[in-house]
Amino acid sequence: MRGYAGLFALGIVAILTACGKEKKGKGDVHSVLILGNSIVNHGPAPQIGWTGHWGMAASAQDSDFVHLLMAEIHRQDTAVTVNFANAGGFEWLLDGYDYARVDSLPKADMLILRFSENVVDSTAANGALVRNYDKLIHTLDPDDKAVKVIVTGMWYRPNTHKVLQQYAADHHYIFVSGDGMYAAPGNTAKGLFADTAVAAHPSDQGMRKIKERIWTAIQDYF
């Protein structure tokens, strides 16, 4: 009987633990952190023809996806705090990334992570990307209380997309696909910048499309 009682007690603990994990709903997200690459934010780089200090290659700050998303959130609730940062180097350094660089970022009720353009796609399937993505998330949210939103990029990265989609599914995180965006006419800044790398970034139209996909996935929280 004691054996059965022990199993029963363990079952109760498991149920309580599962029920005790916070599940956020509408109105529960009071702070958002958006993290990514140059599409989130890039400082002036006149040597390549970029003079902005916002998401490359939007024509103005209020036209990049971060500020468009911020506007959508604030239309619902002006009290929500939205912070963002470029975690430069994470995508290609992976195991060599210095996680102390994100220690000072504010904790948030929702994490929106938008990486993949700079990942070496041929190595995405070897486990390093997911391993470091998971480490990044737990560095940012050590108590595992935030809503996590995994967003893939607009450049063609099939292995990266596949492993991040599976990672999101395994952890019950929100997944937002960037597939098909690059090929759609007008979504890149091609012809607007002489530098081909800058021009491969999203145009104002592309930024709106990124915002729309993310907003569709998270709007019920606000």
N, C-alpha and C. Protein backbone atom coordinates (compact mmCIF):
# COMPACT_ATOMS: atom_id res chain seq x y z
N MET A 1 0.83 -1.21 0.00
CA MET A 1 0.00 0.00 0.00
C MET A 1 0.86 1.25 0.00
N ARG A 2 1.98 1.20 0.73
CA ARG A 2 2.83 2.37 0.78
C ARG A 2 3.39 2.70 -0.60
N GLY A 3 3.66 1.66 -1.39
CA GLY A 3 4.15 1.90 -2.75
C GLY A 3 3.12 2.64 -3.58
N TYR A 4 1.85 2.18 -3.49
CA TYR A 4 0.79 2.85 -4.23
C TYR A 4 0.59 4.27 -3.73
N ALA A 5 0.68 4.46 -2.41
CA ALA A 5 0.51 5.79 -1.83
C ALA A 5 1.60 6.73 -2.33
N GLY A 6 2.83 6.16 -2.44
CA GLY A 6 3.93 6.99 -2.94
C GLY A 6 3.70 7.42 -4.36
N LEU A 7 3.22 6.49 -5.20
CA LEU A 7 2.94 6.82 -6.59
C LEU A 7 1.83 7.85 -6.68
N PHE A 8 0.82 7.70 -5.82
CA PHE A 8 -0.30 8.64 -5.82
C PHE A 8 0.19 10.03 -5.43
N ALA A 9 1.06 10.09 -4.42
CA ALA A 9 1.60 11.38 -3.97
C ALA A 9 2.41 12.04 -5.08
N LEU A 10 3.22 11.23 -5.78
CA LEU A 10 4.00 11.77 -6.89
C LEU A 10 3.09 12.31 -7.98
N GLY A 11 1.98 11.60 -8.22
CA GLY A 11 1.02 12.04 -9.23
C GLY A 11 0.43 13.38 -8.86
N ILE A 12 0.09 13.56 -7.55
CA ILE A 12 -0.47 14.83 -7.09
C ILE A 12 0.54 15.96 -7.31
N VAL A 13 1.81 15.70 -6.96
CA VAL A 13 2.86 16.71 -7.14
C VAL A 13 2.98 17.09 -8.60
N ALA A 14 2.95 16.10 -9.51
CA ALA A 14 3.07 16.37 -10.94
C ALA A 14 1.92 17.22 -11.44
N ILE A 15 0.69 16.88 -10.96
CA ILE A 15 -0.48 17.64 -11.38
C ILE A 15 -0.40 19.07 -10.88
N LEU A 16 0.01 19.24 -9.61
CA LEU A 16 0.11 20.58 -9.04
C LEU A 16 1.17 21.39 -9.76
N THR A 17 2.28 20.73 -10.10
CA THR A 17 3.34 21.43 -10.82
C THR A 17 2.86 21.89 -12.17
N ALA A 18 2.15 21.00 -12.87
CA ALA A 18 1.65 21.35 -14.20
C ALA A 18 0.65 22.48 -14.13
N CYS A 19 -0.27 22.42 -13.13
CA CYS A 19 -1.29 23.45 -13.00
C CYS A 19 -0.70 24.76 -12.51
N GLY A 20 0.43 24.66 -11.77
CA GLY A 20 1.02 25.85 -11.18
C GLY A 20 1.76 26.71 -12.18
N LYS A 21 2.13 26.15 -13.35
CA LYS A 21 2.84 26.94 -14.35
C LYS A 21 1.92 28.01 -14.92
N GLU A 22 2.39 29.23 -14.84
CA GLU A 22 1.56 30.37 -15.24
C GLU A 22 1.22 30.32 -16.73
N LYS A 23 -0.04 30.52 -17.05
CA LYS A 23 -0.48 30.59 -18.43
C LYS A 23 -1.10 31.97 -18.66
N LYS A 24 -0.50 32.72 -19.55
CA LYS A 24 -0.95 34.09 -19.76
C LYS A 24 -2.09 34.15 -20.78
N GLY A 25 -2.98 35.09 -20.55
CA GLY A 25 -4.09 35.31 -21.47
C GLY A 25 -4.21 36.79 -21.79
N LYS A 26 -5.34 37.18 -22.31
CA LYS A 26 -5.58 38.57 -22.71
C LYS A 26 -5.41 39.50 -21.51
N GLY A 27 -4.60 40.53 -21.68
CA GLY A 27 -4.38 41.51 -20.63
C GLY A 27 -3.29 41.16 -19.65
N ASP A 28 -2.68 39.96 -19.80
CA ASP A 28 -1.64 39.54 -18.86
C ASP A 28 -0.23 39.94 -19.31
N VAL A 29 -0.09 40.38 -20.55
CA VAL A 29 1.23 40.78 -21.05
C VAL A 29 1.38 42.29 -20.88
N HIS A 30 2.29 42.67 -19.99
CA HIS A 30 2.51 44.09 -19.70
C HIS A 30 3.85 44.59 -20.22
N SER A 31 4.68 43.66 -20.68
CA SER A 31 5.99 44.03 -21.22
C SER A 31 6.40 43.05 -22.31
N VAL A 32 7.04 43.59 -23.34
CA VAL A 32 7.45 42.79 -24.49
C VAL A 32 8.91 43.09 -24.79
N LEU A 33 9.68 42.06 -25.10
CA LEU A 33 11.06 42.24 -25.55
C LEU A 33 11.20 41.59 -26.92
N ILE A 34 11.65 42.38 -27.90
CA ILE A 34 11.86 41.89 -29.27
C ILE A 34 13.37 41.83 -29.50
N LEU A 35 13.85 40.67 -29.89
CA LEU A 35 15.28 40.47 -30.07
C LEU A 35 15.53 39.88 -31.45
N GLY A 36 16.57 40.34 -32.12
CA GLY A 36 16.86 39.81 -33.44
C GLY A 36 18.13 40.39 -34.02
N ASN A 37 18.13 40.54 -35.32
CA ASN A 37 19.33 41.00 -36.03
C ASN A 37 19.11 42.41 -36.59
N SER A 38 19.73 42.71 -37.72
CA SER A 38 19.66 44.06 -38.29
C SER A 38 18.26 44.44 -38.75
N ILE A 39 17.38 43.46 -38.94
CA ILE A 39 16.00 43.77 -39.33
C ILE A 39 15.24 44.34 -38.13
N VAL A 40 15.71 44.02 -36.93
CA VAL A 40 15.16 44.64 -35.72
C VAL A 40 15.72 46.04 -35.54
N ASN A 41 17.04 46.16 -35.68
CA ASN A 41 17.68 47.47 -35.50
C ASN A 41 19.11 47.43 -36.02
N HIS A 42 19.52 48.50 -36.67
CA HIS A 42 20.91 48.62 -37.13
C HIS A 42 21.30 50.09 -37.12
N GLY A 43 22.41 50.38 -36.47
CA GLY A 43 22.91 51.74 -36.43
C GLY A 43 23.46 52.19 -37.77
N PRO A 44 23.75 53.49 -37.90
CA PRO A 44 24.26 54.02 -39.17
C PRO A 44 25.52 53.31 -39.65
N ALA A 45 25.56 53.01 -40.94
CA ALA A 45 26.73 52.41 -41.57
C ALA A 45 26.89 53.06 -42.94
N PRO A 46 27.33 54.32 -42.97
CA PRO A 46 27.38 55.07 -44.23
C PRO A 46 28.24 54.42 -45.30
N GLN A 47 29.20 53.58 -44.90
CA GLN A 47 30.06 52.92 -45.88
C GLN A 47 29.29 51.96 -46.78
N ILE A 48 28.11 51.53 -46.33
CA ILE A 48 27.27 50.66 -47.18
C ILE A 48 25.97 51.38 -47.58
N GLY A 49 25.92 52.66 -47.32
CA GLY A 49 24.76 53.45 -47.74
C GLY A 49 23.59 53.42 -46.80
N TRP A 50 23.84 52.98 -45.55
CA TRP A 50 22.75 52.94 -44.56
C TRP A 50 22.98 54.02 -43.50
N THR A 51 22.04 54.94 -43.36
CA THR A 51 22.18 56.05 -42.42
C THR A 51 21.14 56.03 -41.30
N GLY A 52 20.26 55.07 -41.31
CA GLY A 52 19.21 55.00 -40.29
C GLY A 52 19.70 54.42 -38.98
N HIS A 53 18.83 54.46 -37.99
CA HIS A 53 19.10 53.79 -36.71
C HIS A 53 17.82 53.08 -36.29
N TRP A 54 17.41 52.18 -37.17
CA TRP A 54 16.19 51.39 -36.97
C TRP A 54 16.31 50.13 -37.81
N GLY A 55 15.23 49.40 -38.02
CA GLY A 55 15.30 48.17 -38.78
C GLY A 55 15.71 48.40 -40.23
N MET A 56 16.80 47.82 -40.65
CA MET A 56 17.28 47.90 -42.03
C MET A 56 16.31 47.12 -42.92
N ALA A 57 15.83 47.64 -44.06
CA ALA A 57 16.10 48.86 -44.75
C ALA A 57 14.81 49.69 -44.84
N ALA A 58 14.10 49.83 -43.73
CA ALA A 58 12.89 50.64 -43.71
C ALA A 58 13.23 52.10 -44.00
N SER A 59 12.29 52.83 -44.58
CA SER A 59 12.56 54.22 -44.97
C SER A 59 12.57 55.16 -43.78
N ALA A 60 11.97 54.77 -42.66
CA ALA A 60 11.91 55.59 -41.46
C ALA A 60 11.69 54.70 -40.25
N GLN A 61 11.96 55.25 -39.08
CA GLN A 61 11.82 54.45 -37.86
C GLN A 61 10.43 53.87 -37.68
N ASP A 62 9.41 54.70 -37.95
CA ASP A 62 8.04 54.21 -37.72
C ASP A 62 7.56 53.26 -38.80
N SER A 63 8.45 52.94 -39.77
CA SER A 63 8.09 51.99 -40.83
C SER A 63 8.74 50.62 -40.66
N ASP A 64 9.59 50.46 -39.64
CA ASP A 64 10.15 49.11 -39.45
C ASP A 64 9.16 48.26 -38.66
N PHE A 65 9.34 46.94 -38.70
CA PHE A 65 8.32 46.06 -38.13
C PHE A 65 8.20 46.22 -36.62
N VAL A 66 9.32 46.56 -35.96
CA VAL A 66 9.28 46.73 -34.50
C VAL A 66 8.34 47.87 -34.12
N HIS A 67 8.50 49.02 -34.78
CA HIS A 67 7.68 50.18 -34.43
C HIS A 67 6.24 50.03 -34.93
N LEU A 68 6.05 49.32 -36.03
CA LEU A 68 4.69 49.01 -36.48
C LEU A 68 3.99 48.09 -35.49
N LEU A 69 4.72 47.11 -34.97
CA LEU A 69 4.16 46.19 -33.99
C LEU A 69 3.87 46.92 -32.68
N MET A 70 4.79 47.80 -32.30
CA MET A 70 4.60 48.60 -31.10
C MET A 70 3.32 49.43 -31.20
N ALA A 71 3.08 50.01 -32.38
CA ALA A 71 1.88 50.82 -32.59
C ALA A 71 0.62 49.97 -32.46
N GLU A 72 0.65 48.74 -32.99
CA GLU A 72 -0.50 47.84 -32.87
C GLU A 72 -0.78 47.52 -31.40
N ILE A 73 0.28 47.21 -30.66
CA ILE A 73 0.12 46.87 -29.25
C ILE A 73 -0.45 48.06 -28.48
N HIS A 74 0.07 49.25 -28.75
CA HIS A 74 -0.36 50.43 -28.02
C HIS A 74 -1.75 50.91 -28.42
N ARG A 75 -2.21 50.48 -29.58
CA ARG A 75 -3.61 50.76 -29.93
C ARG A 75 -4.56 49.99 -29.01
N GLN A 76 -4.07 48.86 -28.50
CA GLN A 76 -4.87 48.05 -27.60
C GLN A 76 -4.63 48.43 -26.13
N ASP A 77 -3.37 48.72 -25.81
CA ASP A 77 -3.02 49.02 -24.41
C ASP A 77 -1.77 49.89 -24.38
N THR A 78 -1.94 51.17 -24.10
CA THR A 78 -0.81 52.11 -24.11
C THR A 78 0.16 51.86 -22.96
N ALA A 79 -0.23 51.09 -21.97
CA ALA A 79 0.63 50.87 -20.81
C ALA A 79 1.67 49.77 -21.02
N VAL A 80 1.54 48.99 -22.09
CA VAL A 80 2.49 47.91 -22.35
C VAL A 80 3.85 48.50 -22.73
N THR A 81 4.90 48.02 -22.07
CA THR A 81 6.27 48.44 -22.37
C THR A 81 6.85 47.53 -23.44
N VAL A 82 7.41 48.13 -24.50
CA VAL A 82 8.03 47.36 -25.58
C VAL A 82 9.49 47.77 -25.69
N ASN A 83 10.38 46.82 -25.49
CA ASN A 83 11.82 47.04 -25.67
C ASN A 83 12.32 46.15 -26.80
N PHE A 84 13.42 46.55 -27.41
CA PHE A 84 13.98 45.76 -28.51
C PHE A 84 15.49 45.93 -28.55
N ALA A 85 16.16 44.95 -29.16
CA ALA A 85 17.61 45.01 -29.26
C ALA A 85 18.10 44.11 -30.39
N ASN A 86 19.23 44.50 -30.94
CA ASN A 86 19.93 43.69 -31.93
C ASN A 86 20.95 42.85 -31.18
N ALA A 87 20.75 41.53 -31.17
CA ALA A 87 21.70 40.62 -30.52
C ALA A 87 22.72 40.17 -31.55
N GLY A 88 23.46 41.13 -32.08
CA GLY A 88 24.42 40.86 -33.13
C GLY A 88 25.41 39.77 -32.75
N GLY A 89 25.64 38.87 -33.67
CA GLY A 89 26.60 37.80 -33.46
C GLY A 89 25.99 36.48 -33.02
N PHE A 90 24.80 36.52 -32.41
CA PHE A 90 24.22 35.27 -31.89
C PHE A 90 24.06 34.24 -33.00
N GLU A 91 23.56 34.66 -34.15
CA GLU A 91 23.22 33.70 -35.22
C GLU A 91 24.42 32.93 -35.75
N TRP A 92 25.55 33.60 -35.86
CA TRP A 92 26.70 32.89 -36.45
C TRP A 92 27.70 32.40 -35.39
N LEU A 93 27.69 32.99 -34.19
CA LEU A 93 28.61 32.54 -33.16
C LEU A 93 28.10 31.30 -32.43
N LEU A 94 26.79 31.28 -32.13
CA LEU A 94 26.15 30.15 -31.44
C LEU A 94 26.92 29.74 -30.20
N ASP A 95 27.62 28.61 -30.20
CA ASP A 95 28.30 28.15 -28.98
C ASP A 95 29.35 29.15 -28.49
N GLY A 96 29.80 30.02 -29.36
CA GLY A 96 30.80 31.02 -28.97
C GLY A 96 30.19 32.34 -28.54
N TYR A 97 28.85 32.42 -28.52
CA TYR A 97 28.20 33.69 -28.18
C TYR A 97 28.36 34.01 -26.69
N ASP A 98 28.60 35.28 -26.39
CA ASP A 98 28.75 35.73 -25.00
C ASP A 98 27.37 36.13 -24.47
N TYR A 99 26.77 35.27 -23.68
CA TYR A 99 25.42 35.51 -23.18
C TYR A 99 25.35 36.64 -22.16
N ALA A 100 26.50 37.07 -21.67
CA ALA A 100 26.52 38.23 -20.77
C ALA A 100 26.03 39.49 -21.50
N ARG A 101 26.06 39.44 -22.82
CA ARG A 101 25.61 40.60 -23.61
C ARG A 101 24.11 40.84 -23.49
N VAL A 102 23.36 39.82 -23.11
CA VAL A 102 21.90 39.99 -22.98
C VAL A 102 21.44 40.01 -21.52
N ASP A 103 22.37 39.88 -20.60
CA ASP A 103 22.01 39.85 -19.18
C ASP A 103 21.33 41.13 -18.73
N SER A 104 21.71 42.26 -19.33
CA SER A 104 21.17 43.55 -18.89
C SER A 104 19.83 43.89 -19.52
N LEU A 105 19.37 43.06 -20.46
CA LEU A 105 18.09 43.34 -21.10
C LEU A 105 16.95 43.13 -20.10
N PRO A 106 15.91 43.95 -20.20
CA PRO A 106 14.82 43.85 -19.21
C PRO A 106 14.04 42.54 -19.35
N LYS A 107 13.58 42.02 -18.22
CA LYS A 107 12.71 40.85 -18.25
C LYS A 107 11.36 41.27 -18.83
N ALA A 108 10.67 40.33 -19.46
CA ALA A 108 9.43 40.67 -20.15
C ALA A 108 8.41 39.55 -20.02
N ASP A 109 7.15 39.91 -20.17
CA ASP A 109 6.07 38.92 -20.16
C ASP A 109 5.95 38.20 -21.49
N MET A 110 6.50 38.79 -22.55
CA MET A 110 6.50 38.16 -23.87
C MET A 110 7.85 38.39 -24.54
N LEU A 111 8.44 37.31 -25.03
CA LEU A 111 9.68 37.38 -25.79
C LEU A 111 9.37 37.09 -27.25
N ILE A 112 9.76 38.00 -28.13
CA ILE A 112 9.63 37.78 -29.57
C ILE A 112 11.05 37.69 -30.12
N LEU A 113 11.43 36.50 -30.56
CA LEU A 113 12.78 36.25 -31.05
C LEU A 113 12.73 36.04 -32.55
N ARG A 114 13.40 36.92 -33.27
CA ARG A 114 13.36 36.84 -34.73
C ARG A 114 14.79 36.73 -35.27
N PHE A 115 15.21 35.48 -35.44
CA PHE A 115 16.53 35.19 -35.97
C PHE A 115 16.40 34.22 -37.13
N SER A 116 17.42 34.17 -37.97
CA SER A 116 17.69 33.09 -38.92
C SER A 116 18.43 33.55 -40.15
N GLU A 117 18.29 34.82 -40.56
CA GLU A 117 18.94 35.25 -41.81
C GLU A 117 20.45 35.02 -41.81
N ASN A 118 21.09 35.18 -40.66
CA ASN A 118 22.55 35.07 -40.60
C ASN A 118 23.04 33.71 -40.11
N VAL A 119 22.12 32.77 -39.92
CA VAL A 119 22.51 31.42 -39.54
C VAL A 119 23.12 30.72 -40.76
N VAL A 120 24.20 29.97 -40.53
CA VAL A 120 24.76 29.14 -41.60
C VAL A 120 23.82 27.94 -41.73
N ASP A 121 22.99 27.94 -42.75
CA ASP A 121 21.89 26.99 -42.82
C ASP A 121 22.34 25.54 -42.87
N SER A 122 23.49 25.29 -43.49
CA SER A 122 23.96 23.91 -43.61
C SER A 122 24.31 23.30 -42.25
N THR A 123 24.55 24.14 -41.25
CA THR A 123 24.90 23.63 -39.93
C THR A 123 23.72 23.69 -38.95
N ALA A 124 22.58 24.18 -39.43
CA ALA A 124 21.44 24.36 -38.52
C ALA A 124 20.91 23.03 -37.99
N ALA A 125 21.10 21.97 -38.75
CA ALA A 125 20.56 20.68 -38.35
C ALA A 125 21.46 19.91 -37.38
N ASN A 126 22.60 20.46 -37.01
CA ASN A 126 23.52 19.70 -36.16
C ASN A 126 23.26 19.88 -34.67
N GLY A 127 22.22 20.65 -34.34
CA GLY A 127 21.84 20.81 -32.94
C GLY A 127 22.34 22.07 -32.27
N ALA A 128 23.35 22.72 -32.86
CA ALA A 128 23.93 23.90 -32.22
C ALA A 128 22.94 25.07 -32.18
N LEU A 129 22.16 25.23 -33.24
CA LEU A 129 21.22 26.35 -33.28
C LEU A 129 20.16 26.21 -32.19
N VAL A 130 19.52 25.06 -32.12
CA VAL A 130 18.47 24.85 -31.12
C VAL A 130 19.03 24.89 -29.71
N ARG A 131 20.20 24.31 -29.53
CA ARG A 131 20.83 24.31 -28.20
C ARG A 131 21.06 25.74 -27.72
N ASN A 132 21.55 26.57 -28.59
CA ASN A 132 21.83 27.96 -28.20
C ASN A 132 20.58 28.82 -28.16
N TYR A 133 19.62 28.53 -29.01
CA TYR A 133 18.33 29.22 -28.95
C TYR A 133 17.70 28.98 -27.58
N ASP A 134 17.76 27.73 -27.14
CA ASP A 134 17.19 27.38 -25.85
C ASP A 134 17.94 28.08 -24.71
N LYS A 135 19.26 28.15 -24.83
CA LYS A 135 20.07 28.83 -23.82
C LYS A 135 19.75 30.31 -23.79
N LEU A 136 19.56 30.91 -24.96
CA LEU A 136 19.22 32.32 -25.03
C LEU A 136 17.88 32.59 -24.34
N ILE A 137 16.90 31.76 -24.64
CA ILE A 137 15.57 31.94 -24.05
C ILE A 137 15.62 31.82 -22.53
N HIS A 138 16.37 30.85 -22.02
CA HIS A 138 16.42 30.66 -20.57
C HIS A 138 17.31 31.69 -19.89
N THR A 139 18.20 32.32 -20.64
CA THR A 139 18.95 33.45 -20.10
C THR A 139 18.03 34.64 -19.94
N LEU A 140 17.18 34.86 -20.93
CA LEU A 140 16.25 35.98 -20.91
C LEU A 140 15.08 35.76 -19.96
N ASP A 141 14.68 34.50 -19.79
CA ASP A 141 13.50 34.18 -18.98
C ASP A 141 13.80 32.97 -18.09
N PRO A 142 14.67 33.15 -17.10
CA PRO A 142 15.10 32.01 -16.27
C PRO A 142 13.96 31.35 -15.49
N ASP A 143 12.89 32.10 -15.20
CA ASP A 143 11.77 31.54 -14.45
C ASP A 143 10.71 30.91 -15.35
N ASP A 144 10.94 30.95 -16.66
CA ASP A 144 10.04 30.33 -17.64
C ASP A 144 8.59 30.81 -17.48
N LYS A 145 8.42 32.12 -17.38
CA LYS A 145 7.08 32.69 -17.22
C LYS A 145 6.58 33.44 -18.45
N ALA A 146 7.48 33.78 -19.35
CA ALA A 146 7.10 34.61 -20.49
C ALA A 146 6.46 33.80 -21.61
N VAL A 147 5.61 34.46 -22.38
CA VAL A 147 5.12 33.90 -23.64
C VAL A 147 6.27 33.99 -24.64
N LYS A 148 6.58 32.88 -25.30
CA LYS A 148 7.68 32.88 -26.26
C LYS A 148 7.13 32.83 -27.69
N VAL A 149 7.67 33.69 -28.53
CA VAL A 149 7.26 33.76 -29.93
C VAL A 149 8.51 33.58 -30.79
N ILE A 150 8.55 32.51 -31.56
CA ILE A 150 9.69 32.18 -32.42
C ILE A 150 9.35 32.57 -33.84
N VAL A 151 10.14 33.49 -34.41
CA VAL A 151 9.86 34.00 -35.76
C VAL A 151 11.04 33.66 -36.66
N THR A 152 10.78 33.03 -37.79
CA THR A 152 11.87 32.75 -38.73
C THR A 152 11.99 33.89 -39.74
N GLY A 153 13.14 33.95 -40.39
CA GLY A 153 13.47 35.05 -41.28
C GLY A 153 12.89 34.94 -42.67
N MET A 154 13.15 35.98 -43.46
CA MET A 154 12.59 36.04 -44.81
C MET A 154 13.54 35.47 -45.86
N TRP A 155 14.84 35.35 -45.55
CA TRP A 155 15.75 34.75 -46.51
C TRP A 155 15.60 33.23 -46.47
N TYR A 156 15.90 32.58 -47.59
CA TYR A 156 15.68 31.14 -47.72
C TYR A 156 16.67 30.38 -46.85
N ARG A 157 16.18 29.80 -45.77
CA ARG A 157 16.98 29.02 -44.83
C ARG A 157 16.17 27.79 -44.41
N PRO A 158 16.07 26.78 -45.29
CA PRO A 158 15.17 25.65 -45.04
C PRO A 158 15.49 24.85 -43.79
N ASN A 159 16.77 24.56 -43.54
CA ASN A 159 17.11 23.79 -42.34
C ASN A 159 16.82 24.59 -41.08
N THR A 160 17.15 25.87 -41.12
CA THR A 160 16.90 26.75 -39.98
C THR A 160 15.42 26.80 -39.66
N HIS A 161 14.62 27.01 -40.70
CA HIS A 161 13.16 27.06 -40.53
C HIS A 161 12.64 25.76 -39.91
N LYS A 162 13.11 24.65 -40.44
CA LYS A 162 12.61 23.35 -40.00
C LYS A 162 12.91 23.09 -38.53
N VAL A 163 14.16 23.34 -38.11
CA VAL A 163 14.53 23.02 -36.73
C VAL A 163 13.86 23.99 -35.75
N LEU A 164 13.69 25.25 -36.14
CA LEU A 164 13.04 26.20 -35.24
C LEU A 164 11.54 25.92 -35.13
N GLN A 165 10.93 25.50 -36.22
CA GLN A 165 9.51 25.14 -36.17
C GLN A 165 9.31 23.94 -35.25
N GLN A 166 10.19 22.96 -35.34
CA GLN A 166 10.09 21.78 -34.48
C GLN A 166 10.37 22.15 -33.03
N TYR A 167 11.36 23.01 -32.81
CA TYR A 167 11.69 23.46 -31.46
C TYR A 167 10.49 24.16 -30.82
N ALA A 168 9.85 25.05 -31.58
CA ALA A 168 8.67 25.75 -31.06
C ALA A 168 7.55 24.77 -30.73
N ALA A 169 7.33 23.79 -31.60
CA ALA A 169 6.29 22.79 -31.37
C ALA A 169 6.59 21.96 -30.12
N ASP A 170 7.84 21.56 -29.96
CA ASP A 170 8.23 20.73 -28.82
C ASP A 170 8.02 21.45 -27.49
N HIS A 171 8.16 22.78 -27.50
CA HIS A 171 8.07 23.55 -26.25
C HIS A 171 6.74 24.31 -26.13
N HIS A 172 5.85 24.10 -27.10
CA HIS A 172 4.55 24.78 -27.09
C HIS A 172 4.70 26.30 -27.14
N TYR A 173 5.69 26.76 -27.93
CA TYR A 173 5.88 28.18 -28.15
C TYR A 173 5.12 28.59 -29.42
N ILE A 174 4.82 29.85 -29.52
CA ILE A 174 4.17 30.38 -30.73
C ILE A 174 5.21 30.41 -31.85
N PHE A 175 4.82 29.94 -33.02
CA PHE A 175 5.72 29.93 -34.17
C PHE A 175 5.16 30.81 -35.28
N VAL A 176 6.00 31.69 -35.80
CA VAL A 176 5.61 32.57 -36.91
C VAL A 176 6.59 32.36 -38.05
N SER A 177 6.10 31.93 -39.19
CA SER A 177 6.95 31.62 -40.33
C SER A 177 7.22 32.86 -41.19
N GLY A 178 8.46 32.92 -41.67
CA GLY A 178 8.83 33.98 -42.62
C GLY A 178 8.91 33.45 -44.03
N ASP A 179 8.52 32.19 -44.23
CA ASP A 179 8.62 31.56 -45.55
C ASP A 179 7.84 32.33 -46.61
N GLY A 180 8.44 32.41 -47.79
CA GLY A 180 7.78 33.00 -48.95
C GLY A 180 7.86 34.51 -49.03
N MET A 181 8.36 35.16 -47.99
CA MET A 181 8.36 36.61 -47.99
C MET A 181 9.38 37.21 -48.95
N TYR A 182 10.56 36.58 -49.02
CA TYR A 182 11.63 37.15 -49.84
C TYR A 182 11.26 37.17 -51.32
N ALA A 183 10.59 36.12 -51.77
CA ALA A 183 10.27 35.99 -53.19
C ALA A 183 9.11 36.88 -53.63
N ALA A 184 8.31 37.35 -52.68
CA ALA A 184 7.14 38.16 -53.04
C ALA A 184 7.58 39.53 -53.54
N PRO A 185 7.07 39.98 -54.69
CA PRO A 185 7.48 41.27 -55.27
C PRO A 185 7.26 42.43 -54.30
N GLY A 186 8.29 43.26 -54.18
CA GLY A 186 8.17 44.46 -53.37
C GLY A 186 8.49 44.29 -51.90
N ASN A 187 8.77 43.06 -51.46
CA ASN A 187 9.03 42.84 -50.03
C ASN A 187 10.46 43.17 -49.62
N THR A 188 11.37 43.28 -50.58
CA THR A 188 12.75 43.66 -50.25
C THR A 188 13.03 45.07 -50.78
N ALA A 189 14.15 45.61 -50.35
CA ALA A 189 14.54 46.97 -50.75
C ALA A 189 15.41 46.96 -52.00
N LYS A 190 15.27 45.93 -52.81
CA LYS A 190 16.04 45.84 -54.05
C LYS A 190 15.76 47.06 -54.93
N GLY A 191 16.83 47.70 -55.40
CA GLY A 191 16.68 48.90 -56.23
C GLY A 191 16.67 50.19 -55.43
N LEU A 192 16.54 50.08 -54.11
CA LEU A 192 16.52 51.27 -53.26
C LEU A 192 17.87 51.57 -52.64
N PHE A 193 18.74 50.56 -52.61
CA PHE A 193 20.09 50.73 -52.07
C PHE A 193 21.09 50.09 -53.02
N ALA A 194 22.24 50.74 -53.19
CA ALA A 194 23.27 50.20 -54.07
C ALA A 194 23.91 48.94 -53.48
N ASP A 195 24.07 48.91 -52.18
CA ASP A 195 24.67 47.77 -51.53
C ASP A 195 23.68 46.60 -51.54
N THR A 196 24.10 45.46 -52.07
CA THR A 196 23.17 44.34 -52.25
C THR A 196 22.71 43.74 -50.92
N ALA A 197 23.57 43.79 -49.90
CA ALA A 197 23.20 43.24 -48.60
C ALA A 197 22.11 44.09 -47.95
N VAL A 198 22.24 45.40 -48.04
CA VAL A 198 21.20 46.29 -47.50
C VAL A 198 19.91 46.09 -48.29
N ALA A 199 20.04 46.03 -49.61
CA ALA A 199 18.88 45.90 -50.48
C ALA A 199 18.13 44.58 -50.28
N ALA A 200 18.79 43.58 -49.73
CA ALA A 200 18.14 42.29 -49.47
C ALA A 200 17.27 42.32 -48.23
N HIS A 201 17.36 43.40 -47.48
CA HIS A 201 16.53 43.56 -46.28
C HIS A 201 15.12 43.97 -46.68
N PRO A 202 14.16 43.86 -45.75
CA PRO A 202 12.77 44.18 -46.10
C PRO A 202 12.54 45.67 -46.37
N SER A 203 11.77 45.93 -47.40
CA SER A 203 11.30 47.28 -47.70
C SER A 203 10.21 47.64 -46.68
N ASP A 204 9.63 48.82 -46.84
CA ASP A 204 8.50 49.19 -45.98
C ASP A 204 7.37 48.17 -46.10
N GLN A 205 7.13 47.72 -47.33
CA GLN A 205 6.09 46.70 -47.54
C GLN A 205 6.46 45.41 -46.82
N GLY A 206 7.73 44.99 -46.95
CA GLY A 206 8.19 43.78 -46.28
C GLY A 206 8.09 43.88 -44.77
N MET A 207 8.42 45.05 -44.24
CA MET A 207 8.30 45.27 -42.80
C MET A 207 6.84 45.15 -42.35
N ARG A 208 5.94 45.67 -43.15
CA ARG A 208 4.51 45.55 -42.81
C ARG A 208 4.08 44.10 -42.80
N LYS A 209 4.60 43.33 -43.76
CA LYS A 209 4.22 41.91 -43.83
C LYS A 209 4.74 41.15 -42.61
N ILE A 210 5.97 41.46 -42.17
CA ILE A 210 6.51 40.83 -40.97
C ILE A 210 5.63 41.17 -39.77
N LYS A 211 5.31 42.46 -39.65
CA LYS A 211 4.45 42.90 -38.54
C LYS A 211 3.11 42.18 -38.56
N GLU A 212 2.50 42.06 -39.73
CA GLU A 212 1.18 41.45 -39.84
C GLU A 212 1.21 39.99 -39.39
N ARG A 213 2.26 39.25 -39.78
CA ARG A 213 2.33 37.84 -39.39
C ARG A 213 2.50 37.70 -37.88
N ILE A 214 3.34 38.53 -37.30
CA ILE A 214 3.54 38.45 -35.85
C ILE A 214 2.30 38.90 -35.11
N TRP A 215 1.70 40.01 -35.55
CA TRP A 215 0.53 40.53 -34.86
C TRP A 215 -0.63 39.54 -34.89
N THR A 216 -0.81 38.87 -36.01
CA THR A 216 -1.87 37.87 -36.12
C THR A 216 -1.69 36.78 -35.05
N ALA A 217 -0.43 36.45 -34.77
CA ALA A 217 -0.14 35.37 -33.82
C ALA A 217 -0.26 35.79 -32.36
N ILE A 218 -0.11 37.09 -32.07
CA ILE A 218 -0.04 37.52 -30.66
C ILE A 218 -1.19 38.44 -30.25
N GLN A 219 -2.02 38.88 -31.17
CA GLN A 219 -2.99 39.93 -30.88
C GLN A 219 -3.97 39.58 -29.75
N ASP A 220 -4.24 38.31 -29.55
CA ASP A 220 -5.20 37.92 -28.51
C ASP A 220 -4.69 38.15 -27.10
N TYR A 221 -3.40 38.46 -26.96
CA TYR A 221 -2.84 38.74 -25.64
C TYR A 221 -3.06 40.18 -25.19
N PHE A 222 -3.51 41.04 -26.11
CA PHE A 222 -3.59 42.47 -25.79
C PHE A 222 -5.02 43.00 -25.88
